[in-house]
């Protein structure tokens, strides 16, 4: 859907979100010793805000 709606910028957005998700989960895994549902929920909310800010900045 990102490709259809945003073209090449959508591909970059998906890549960026995936990269940030991996970094966040590794950080929390090292910091907290594991990843729980609360961590995944917080990461989801942060990534959603990041995606919306990116869309707002680009368009």
PDB file of N, CA and C in Angstrom:
ATOM      1  N   UNK A   1       0.822  -1.185   0.000  1.00  0.00           N
ATOM      2  CA  UNK A   1       0.000   0.000   0.000  1.00  0.00           C
ATOM      3  C   UNK A   1       0.874   1.260   0.000  1.00  0.00           C
ATOM      4  N   UNK A   2       2.020   1.187   0.669  1.00  0.00           N
ATOM      5  CA  UNK A   2       2.901   2.358   0.721  1.00  0.00           C
ATOM      6  C   UNK A   2       3.417   2.711  -0.665  1.00  0.00           C
ATOM      7  N   UNK A   3       3.686   1.701  -1.480  1.00  0.00           N
ATOM      8  CA  UNK A   3       4.194   1.956  -2.829  1.00  0.00           C
ATOM      9  C   UNK A   3       3.110   2.602  -3.686  1.00  0.00           C
ATOM     10  N   UNK A   4       1.894   2.095  -3.566  1.00  0.00           N
ATOM     11  CA  UNK A   4       0.794   2.628  -4.374  1.00  0.00           C
ATOM     12  C   UNK A   4       0.480   4.062  -3.972  1.00  0.00           C
ATOM     13  N   UNK A   5       0.450   4.331  -2.682  1.00  0.00           N
ATOM     14  CA  UNK A   5       0.076   5.662  -2.208  1.00  0.00           C
ATOM     15  C   UNK A   5       1.192   6.696  -2.353  1.00  0.00           C
ATOM     16  N   UNK A   6       2.432   6.282  -2.089  1.00  0.00           N
ATOM     17  CA  UNK A   6       3.519   7.258  -2.005  1.00  0.00           C
ATOM     18  C   UNK A   6       4.670   7.021  -2.976  1.00  0.00           C
ATOM     19  N   UNK A   7       4.606   5.982  -3.787  1.00  0.00           N
ATOM     20  CA  UNK A   7       5.661   5.703  -4.761  1.00  0.00           C
ATOM     21  C   UNK A   7       6.978   5.339  -4.095  1.00  0.00           C
ATOM     22  N   UNK A   8       8.062   5.869  -4.633  1.00  0.00           N
ATOM     23  CA  UNK A   8       9.396   5.558  -4.115  1.00  0.00           C
ATOM     24  C   UNK A   8       9.574   6.048  -2.679  1.00  0.00           C
ATOM     25  N   UNK A   9       8.921   7.142  -2.336  1.00  0.00           N
ATOM     26  CA  UNK A   9       8.986   7.650  -0.964  1.00  0.00           C
ATOM     27  C   UNK A   9       8.371   6.649   0.012  1.00  0.00           C
ATOM     28  N   UNK A  10       7.355   5.918  -0.436  1.00  0.00           N
ATOM     29  CA  UNK A  10       6.734   4.889   0.393  1.00  0.00           C
ATOM     30  C   UNK A  10       7.677   3.734   0.667  1.00  0.00           C
ATOM     31  N   UNK A  11       8.455   3.358  -0.336  1.00  0.00           N
ATOM     32  CA  UNK A  11       9.447   2.297  -0.155  1.00  0.00           C
ATOM     33  C   UNK A  11      10.483   2.737   0.873  1.00  0.00           C
ATOM     34  N   UNK A  12      10.948   3.971   0.757  1.00  0.00           N
ATOM     35  CA  UNK A  12      11.908   4.500   1.727  1.00  0.00           C
ATOM     36  C   UNK A  12      11.307   4.526   3.127  1.00  0.00           C
ATOM     37  N   UNK A  13      10.040   4.899   3.235  1.00  0.00           N
ATOM     38  CA  UNK A  13       9.367   4.947   4.533  1.00  0.00           C
ATOM     39  C   UNK A  13       9.307   3.565   5.171  1.00  0.00           C
ATOM     40  N   UNK A  14       8.955   2.549   4.397  1.00  0.00           N
ATOM     41  CA  UNK A  14       8.893   1.183   4.916  1.00  0.00           C
ATOM     42  C   UNK A  14      10.281   0.731   5.361  1.00  0.00           C
ATOM     43  N   UNK A  15      11.304   1.029   4.568  1.00  0.00           N
ATOM     44  CA  UNK A  15      12.675   0.682   4.933  1.00  0.00           C
ATOM     45  C   UNK A  15      13.095   1.395   6.216  1.00  0.00           C
ATOM     46  N   UNK A  16      12.783   2.680   6.312  1.00  0.00           N
ATOM     47  CA  UNK A  16      13.142   3.466   7.492  1.00  0.00           C
ATOM     48  C   UNK A  16      12.462   2.922   8.748  1.00  0.00           C
ATOM     49  N   UNK A  17      11.194   2.603   8.650  1.00  0.00           N
ATOM     50  CA  UNK A  17      10.466   2.078   9.803  1.00  0.00           C
ATOM     51  C   UNK A  17      11.038   0.727  10.227  1.00  0.00           C
ATOM     52  N   UNK A  18      11.356  -0.121   9.267  1.00  0.00           N
ATOM     53  CA  UNK A  18      11.957  -1.414   9.592  1.00  0.00           C
ATOM     54  C   UNK A  18      13.300  -1.268  10.280  1.00  0.00           C
ATOM     55  N   UNK A  19      14.108  -0.347   9.793  1.00  0.00           N
ATOM     56  CA  UNK A  19      15.423  -0.106  10.386  1.00  0.00           C
ATOM     57  C   UNK A  19      15.294   0.426  11.815  1.00  0.00           C
ATOM     58  N   UNK A  20      14.423   1.395  12.011  1.00  0.00           N
ATOM     59  CA  UNK A  20      14.220   1.963  13.351  1.00  0.00           C
ATOM     60  C   UNK A  20      13.649   0.905  14.292  1.00  0.00           C
ATOM     61  N   UNK A  21      12.763   0.052  13.802  1.00  0.00           N
ATOM     62  CA  UNK A  21      12.194  -1.012  14.633  1.00  0.00           C
ATOM     63  C   UNK A  21      13.285  -1.965  15.105  1.00  0.00           C
ATOM     64  N   UNK A  22      14.185  -2.350  14.211  1.00  0.00           N
ATOM     65  CA  UNK A  22      15.268  -3.248  14.599  1.00  0.00           C
ATOM     66  C   UNK A  22      16.172  -2.601  15.642  1.00  0.00           C
ATOM     67  N   UNK A  23      16.498  -1.335  15.453  1.00  0.00           N
ATOM     68  CA  UNK A  23      17.361  -0.628  16.404  1.00  0.00           C
ATOM     69  C   UNK A  23      16.673  -0.511  17.763  1.00  0.00           C
ATOM     70  N   UNK A  24      15.393  -0.151  17.762  1.00  0.00           N
ATOM     71  CA  UNK A  24      14.653  -0.027  19.022  1.00  0.00           C
ATOM     72  C   UNK A  24      14.591  -1.350  19.775  1.00  0.00           C
ATOM     73  N   UNK A  25      14.269  -2.425  19.073  1.00  0.00           N
ATOM     74  CA  UNK A  25      14.145  -3.717  19.737  1.00  0.00           C
ATOM     75  C   UNK A  25      15.483  -4.211  20.267  1.00  0.00           C
ATOM     76  N   UNK A  26      16.558  -3.973  19.533  1.00  0.00           N
ATOM     77  CA  UNK A  26      17.883  -4.354  20.046  1.00  0.00           C
ATOM     78  C   UNK A  26      18.248  -3.530  21.282  1.00  0.00           C
ATOM     79  N   UNK A  27      17.923  -2.250  21.261  1.00  0.00           N
ATOM     80  CA  UNK A  27      18.194  -1.391  22.410  1.00  0.00           C
ATOM     81  C   UNK A  27      17.443  -1.892  23.640  1.00  0.00           C
ATOM     82  N   UNK A  28      16.153  -2.157  23.482  1.00  0.00           N
ATOM     83  CA  UNK A  28      15.361  -2.618  24.618  1.00  0.00           C
ATOM     84  C   UNK A  28      15.788  -4.003  25.082  1.00  0.00           C
ATOM     85  N   UNK A  29      16.211  -4.840  24.151  1.00  0.00           N
ATOM     86  CA  UNK A  29      16.664  -6.170  24.533  1.00  0.00           C
ATOM     87  C   UNK A  29      17.925  -6.081  25.390  1.00  0.00           C
ATOM     88  N   UNK A  30      18.846  -5.210  25.026  1.00  0.00           N
ATOM     89  CA  UNK A  30      20.065  -5.036  25.818  1.00  0.00           C
ATOM     90  C   UNK A  30      19.772  -4.327  27.133  1.00  0.00           C
ATOM     91  N   UNK A  31      18.935  -3.314  27.077  1.00  0.00           N
ATOM     92  CA  UNK A  31      18.650  -2.495  28.256  1.00  0.00           C
ATOM     93  C   UNK A  31      17.803  -3.240  29.294  1.00  0.00           C
ATOM     94  N   UNK A  32      16.783  -3.967  28.823  1.00  0.00           N
ATOM     95  CA  UNK A  32      15.847  -4.629  29.729  1.00  0.00           C
ATOM     96  C   UNK A  32      16.071  -6.133  29.838  1.00  0.00           C
ATOM     97  N   UNK A  33      16.933  -6.682  29.005  1.00  0.00           N
ATOM     98  CA  UNK A  33      17.182  -8.111  29.057  1.00  0.00           C
ATOM     99  C   UNK A  33      16.157  -8.936  28.296  1.00  0.00           C
ATOM    100  N   UNK A  34      15.315  -8.305  27.531  1.00  0.00           N
ATOM    101  CA  UNK A  34      14.311  -9.018  26.751  1.00  0.00           C
ATOM    102  C   UNK A  34      13.277  -8.057  26.205  1.00  0.00           C
ATOM    103  N   UNK A  35      12.378  -8.608  25.430  1.00  0.00           N
ATOM    104  CA  UNK A  35      11.331  -7.797  24.818  1.00  0.00           C
ATOM    105  C   UNK A  35       9.986  -8.353  25.253  1.00  0.00           C
ATOM    106  N   UNK A  36       9.147  -7.490  25.806  1.00  0.00           N
ATOM    107  CA  UNK A  36       7.818  -7.902  26.247  1.00  0.00           C
ATOM    108  C   UNK A  36       6.762  -7.257  25.353  1.00  0.00           C
ATOM    109  N   UNK A  37       5.523  -7.591  25.613  1.00  0.00           N
ATOM    110  CA  UNK A  37       4.423  -7.003  24.867  1.00  0.00           C
ATOM    111  C   UNK A  37       4.335  -5.505  25.058  1.00  0.00           C
ATOM    112  N   UNK A  38       4.664  -5.038  26.243  1.00  0.00           N
ATOM    113  CA  UNK A  38       4.655  -3.590  26.495  1.00  0.00           C
ATOM    114  C   UNK A  38       5.698  -2.876  25.639  1.00  0.00           C
ATOM    115  N   UNK A  39       6.857  -3.488  25.501  1.00  0.00           N
ATOM    116  CA  UNK A  39       7.910  -2.904  24.670  1.00  0.00           C
ATOM    117  C   UNK A  39       7.469  -2.874  23.210  1.00  0.00           C
ATOM    118  N   UNK A  40       6.859  -3.955  22.747  1.00  0.00           N
ATOM    119  CA  UNK A  40       6.384  -3.992  21.363  1.00  0.00           C
ATOM    120  C   UNK A  40       5.285  -2.961  21.132  1.00  0.00           C
ATOM    121  N   UNK A  41       4.405  -2.786  22.105  1.00  0.00           N
ATOM    122  CA  UNK A  41       3.352  -1.777  21.988  1.00  0.00           C
ATOM    123  C   UNK A  41       3.920  -0.373  21.931  1.00  0.00           C
ATOM    124  N   UNK A  42       4.907  -0.098  22.777  1.00  0.00           N
ATOM    125  CA  UNK A  42       5.541   1.223  22.770  1.00  0.00           C
ATOM    126  C   UNK A  42       6.279   1.457  21.454  1.00  0.00           C
ATOM    127  N   UNK A  43       6.960   0.432  20.961  1.00  0.00           N
ATOM    128  CA  UNK A  43       7.670   0.558  19.687  1.00  0.00           C
ATOM    129  C   UNK A  43       6.685   0.821  18.549  1.00  0.00           C
ATOM    130  N   UNK A  44       5.548   0.157  18.584  1.00  0.00           N
ATOM    131  CA  UNK A  44       4.526   0.369  17.556  1.00  0.00           C
ATOM    132  C   UNK A  44       4.046   1.806  17.559  1.00  0.00           C
ATOM    133  N   UNK A  45       3.780   2.345  18.729  1.00  0.00           N
ATOM    134  CA  UNK A  45       3.308   3.732  18.822  1.00  0.00           C
ATOM    135  C   UNK A  45       4.377   4.717  18.349  1.00  0.00           C
ATOM    136  N   UNK A  46       5.623   4.488  18.743  1.00  0.00           N
ATOM    137  CA  UNK A  46       6.712   5.372  18.305  1.00  0.00           C
ATOM    138  C   UNK A  46       6.900   5.329  16.790  1.00  0.00           C
ATOM    139  N   UNK A  47       6.810   4.134  16.222  1.00  0.00           N
ATOM    140  CA  UNK A  47       6.980   4.003  14.778  1.00  0.00           C
ATOM    141  C   UNK A  47       5.814   4.617  14.015  1.00  0.00           C
ATOM    142  N   UNK A  48       4.632   4.538  14.579  1.00  0.00           N
ATOM    143  CA  UNK A  48       3.479   5.171  13.939  1.00  0.00           C
ATOM    144  C   UNK A  48       3.650   6.690  13.898  1.00  0.00           C
ATOM    145  N   UNK A  49       4.112   7.264  15.004  1.00  0.00           N
ATOM    146  CA  UNK A  49       4.360   8.709  15.041  1.00  0.00           C
ATOM    147  C   UNK A  49       5.466   9.076  14.051  1.00  0.00           C
ATOM    148  N   UNK A  50       6.520   8.269  13.987  1.00  0.00           N
ATOM    149  CA  UNK A  50       7.601   8.519  13.035  1.00  0.00           C
ATOM    150  C   UNK A  50       7.080   8.504  11.599  1.00  0.00           C
ATOM    151  N   UNK A  51       6.253   7.533  11.272  1.00  0.00           N
ATOM    152  CA  UNK A  51       5.700   7.443   9.915  1.00  0.00           C
ATOM    153  C   UNK A  51       4.830   8.653   9.598  1.00  0.00           C
ATOM    154  N   UNK A  52       3.994   9.052  10.532  1.00  0.00           N
ATOM    155  CA  UNK A  52       3.125  10.204  10.296  1.00  0.00           C
ATOM    156  C   UNK A  52       3.928  11.494  10.146  1.00  0.00           C
ATOM    157  N   UNK A  53       4.978  11.658  10.951  1.00  0.00           N
ATOM    158  CA  UNK A  53       5.833  12.840  10.818  1.00  0.00           C
ATOM    159  C   UNK A  53       6.567  12.851   9.480  1.00  0.00           C
ATOM    160  N   UNK A  54       7.007  11.682   9.040  1.00  0.00           N
ATOM    161  CA  UNK A  54       7.676  11.585   7.744  1.00  0.00           C
ATOM    162  C   UNK A  54       6.719  11.965   6.616  1.00  0.00           C
ATOM    163  N   UNK A  55       5.510  11.439   6.677  1.00  0.00           N
ATOM    164  CA  UNK A  55       4.511  11.753   5.651  1.00  0.00           C
ATOM    165  C   UNK A  55       4.190  13.239   5.668  1.00  0.00           C
ATOM    166  N   UNK A  56       4.057  13.805   6.847  1.00  0.00           N
ATOM    167  CA  UNK A  56       3.769  15.233   6.964  1.00  0.00           C
ATOM    168  C   UNK A  56       4.914  16.078   6.404  1.00  0.00           C
ATOM    169  N   UNK A  57       6.145  15.676   6.681  1.00  0.00           N
ATOM    170  CA  UNK A  57       7.301  16.440   6.215  1.00  0.00           C
ATOM    171  C   UNK A  57       7.488  16.337   4.702  1.00  0.00           C
ATOM    172  N   UNK A  58       7.187  15.189   4.140  1.00  0.00           N
ATOM    173  CA  UNK A  58       7.421  14.969   2.714  1.00  0.00           C
ATOM    174  C   UNK A  58       6.298  15.540   1.865  1.00  0.00           C
ATOM    175  N   UNK A  59       5.079  15.461   2.347  1.00  0.00           N
ATOM    176  CA  UNK A  59       3.946  15.912   1.538  1.00  0.00           C
ATOM    177  C   UNK A  59       3.416  17.157   2.142  1.00  0.00           C
TER     178      UNK A  59
END
